[in-house]
Protein backbone atom coordinates (compact mmCIF):
# COMPACT_ATOMS: atom_id res chain seq x y z
CA MET A 1 122.32 96.00 125.04
CA LYS A 2 118.92 94.53 125.89
CA THR A 3 116.41 93.76 123.18
CA ASN A 4 114.08 96.62 124.18
CA GLU A 5 116.95 99.14 124.21
CA LYS A 6 118.18 97.93 120.81
CA ASN A 7 114.64 98.09 119.39
CA ILE A 8 114.14 101.62 120.73
CA GLU A 9 117.47 102.84 119.35
CA VAL A 10 116.83 101.42 115.87
CA LEU A 11 113.22 102.62 115.81
CA ASN A 12 114.14 106.15 116.89
CA ASP A 13 116.80 106.31 114.16
CA LEU A 14 114.15 105.37 111.60
CA ILE A 15 111.67 107.84 113.08
CA GLN A 16 114.29 110.56 112.53
CA ILE A 17 114.75 109.47 108.91
CA ASN A 18 111.00 109.62 108.36
CA ASN A 19 110.85 113.05 109.99
CA ASP A 20 113.60 114.16 107.57
CA ARG A 21 111.73 112.67 104.65
CA ALA A 22 108.43 114.33 105.60
CA THR A 23 110.13 117.70 106.03
CA GLY A 24 111.98 117.26 102.73
CA TYR A 25 108.79 116.49 100.83
CA GLU A 26 106.94 119.35 102.47
CA LYS A 27 109.75 121.62 101.28
CA ALA A 28 109.69 120.07 97.81
CA ALA A 29 105.91 120.66 97.62
CA LYS A 30 106.45 124.32 98.46
CA GLU A 31 109.25 124.60 95.87
CA THR A 32 107.13 123.31 93.02
CA GLU A 33 105.64 125.80 90.61
CA ALA A 34 101.88 126.13 90.17
CA VAL A 35 102.14 124.33 86.84
CA ASP A 36 103.61 121.34 88.66
CA GLN A 37 100.50 120.59 90.71
CA ASP A 38 100.97 116.88 89.96
CA LEU A 39 104.33 116.91 91.76
CA ARG A 40 102.94 118.93 94.65
CA THR A 41 100.23 116.31 95.14
CA ILE A 42 102.77 113.46 95.03
CA PHE A 43 105.13 115.24 97.44
CA ASN A 44 102.34 115.94 99.93
CA SER A 45 101.31 112.29 99.72
CA LEU A 46 104.89 111.11 100.36
CA ALA A 47 105.24 113.50 103.32
CA SER A 48 102.05 112.03 104.75
CA GLU A 49 103.40 108.52 104.13
CA SER A 50 106.48 109.32 106.21
CA ARG A 51 104.41 110.79 109.03
CA THR A 52 102.38 107.56 109.04
CA TYR A 53 105.56 105.47 109.19
CA ALA A 54 106.99 107.61 112.01
CA ASN A 55 103.74 107.25 113.96
CA GLU A 56 103.76 103.48 113.47
CA LEU A 57 107.37 103.26 114.64
CA SER A 58 106.56 105.53 117.60
CA ARG A 59 103.88 103.10 118.77
CA TYR A 60 106.50 100.35 118.83
CA VAL A 61 108.89 102.58 120.80
CA ASN A 62 106.11 103.18 123.35
CA GLN A 63 105.37 99.45 123.55
CA GLN A 64 109.06 98.84 124.28
CA GLY A 65 108.93 101.32 127.17
CA GLY A 66 110.84 104.07 125.37
CA THR A 67 110.18 107.65 124.34
CA PRO A 68 109.82 108.26 120.60
CA THR A 69 111.99 111.00 119.18
CA ASP A 70 110.48 113.97 117.41
CA SER A 71 113.75 115.25 115.99
CA THR A 72 115.48 114.94 112.66
CA THR A 73 118.97 113.70 111.89
CA VAL A 74 122.01 115.86 111.33
CA SER A 75 122.32 114.40 107.84
CA GLY A 76 118.67 115.27 107.24
CA LYS A 77 119.32 118.87 108.11
CA LEU A 78 122.30 118.83 105.76
CA TYR A 79 120.13 117.27 103.05
CA ARG A 80 117.59 120.09 103.38
CA VAL A 81 120.35 122.71 103.19
CA TRP A 82 121.74 120.98 100.08
CA MET A 83 118.25 121.00 98.57
CA ASP A 84 117.97 124.75 99.27
CA VAL A 85 121.30 125.44 97.56
CA LYS A 86 120.51 123.19 94.62
CA ALA A 87 117.07 124.79 94.15
CA THR A 88 118.66 128.23 94.12
CA PHE A 89 121.09 127.33 91.36
CA SER A 90 118.81 125.09 89.35
CA GLY A 91 115.87 127.43 89.02
CA LYS A 92 113.65 124.95 90.82
CA ASP A 93 112.88 122.94 87.70
CA ARG A 94 111.08 119.60 87.86
CA LYS A 95 114.12 117.48 87.14
CA ALA A 96 116.26 119.21 89.80
CA ILE A 97 113.55 118.87 92.45
CA LEU A 98 113.02 115.21 91.57
CA GLU A 99 116.78 114.59 91.70
CA SER A 100 116.84 116.07 95.21
CA CYS A 101 113.90 113.90 96.20
CA GLU A 102 115.60 110.81 94.79
CA TYR A 103 118.66 111.64 96.86
CA GLY A 104 116.43 111.67 99.95
CA GLU A 105 114.81 108.39 98.92
CA ASP A 106 118.27 106.83 98.55
CA ALA A 107 119.11 108.00 102.08
CA ALA A 108 115.91 106.46 103.47
CA GLN A 109 116.62 103.14 101.74
CA LYS A 110 120.15 103.15 103.11
CA ALA A 111 118.94 103.85 106.66
CA TYR A 112 116.44 100.99 106.57
CA LYS A 113 118.99 98.63 105.02
CA GLU A 114 121.55 99.53 107.70
CA ALA A 115 118.98 99.06 110.47
CA LEU A 116 118.34 95.51 109.29
CA LYS A 117 122.00 94.77 108.54
CA ALA A 118 123.10 96.01 111.98
CA ASP A 119 120.90 93.40 113.61
CA THR A 120 123.56 90.70 113.30
CA ASP A 121 122.91 89.54 116.85
CA ASN A 122 119.15 89.22 116.25
CA ARG A 123 118.24 91.56 119.08
CA LEU A 124 115.40 93.14 117.17
CA SER A 125 112.16 91.46 118.07
CA PRO A 126 110.42 89.67 115.20
CA ASP A 127 107.52 92.16 115.13
CA VAL A 128 109.90 95.14 115.00
CA ARG A 129 111.98 93.51 112.27
CA HIS A 130 108.78 92.82 110.32
CA VAL A 131 107.56 96.44 110.46
CA ILE A 132 111.00 97.71 109.39
CA GLU A 133 111.10 95.29 106.43
CA GLU A 134 107.54 96.18 105.44
CA GLN A 135 108.22 99.93 105.54
CA LYS A 136 111.49 99.48 103.64
CA ASN A 137 109.64 97.65 100.86
CA LYS A 138 106.97 100.37 100.65
CA LEU A 139 109.65 103.07 100.62
CA LYS A 140 111.35 101.24 97.74
CA GLY A 141 108.13 101.66 95.75
CA SER A 142 108.15 105.39 96.50
CA HIS A 143 111.81 105.59 95.49
CA ASP A 144 111.09 103.88 92.20
CA ARG A 145 108.17 106.23 91.54
CA ILE A 146 110.35 109.32 92.08
CA LYS A 147 113.12 107.82 89.92
CA MET A 148 110.64 107.07 87.14
CA LEU A 149 109.33 110.66 87.25
CA ARG A 150 112.87 112.03 87.24
CA ASP A 151 113.88 109.84 84.30
CA ALA A 152 110.83 111.04 82.35
CA GLN A 153 112.01 114.65 82.51
CA PRO A 154 113.88 116.16 79.55
CA ALA A 155 117.61 116.68 80.04
């Protein structure tokens, strides 16, 4: 596979993950109670973060001569269904919503890690590899923030 094709494939996979993440956080924001305005603000911010990442990745896809995807992943759709079911049974409490969000953050970290790990033949261009590493590091900060909020909730 040529470098441009490999870059486009990896970038589109990560765009899908970010689309999943944005949709998941939009849903989480809607699921939060009025008293949880702090979470709603955080979730909206994280959804916006993912849209920014997807747009940045899309620019690279265009530069490589490809067409950026606007879809989500199958696993992302399953994640949102799982979140719906969990919210129904959990009463939509803060801890349950944050646990669902952490699950999504884990999935995003895994996708970025796999994208970098799969590049054993160094077909990703240095600029594409750099943007993936940079986004992965920023997403790790978001993951840690969600985890910290979840851990702060009473059992």
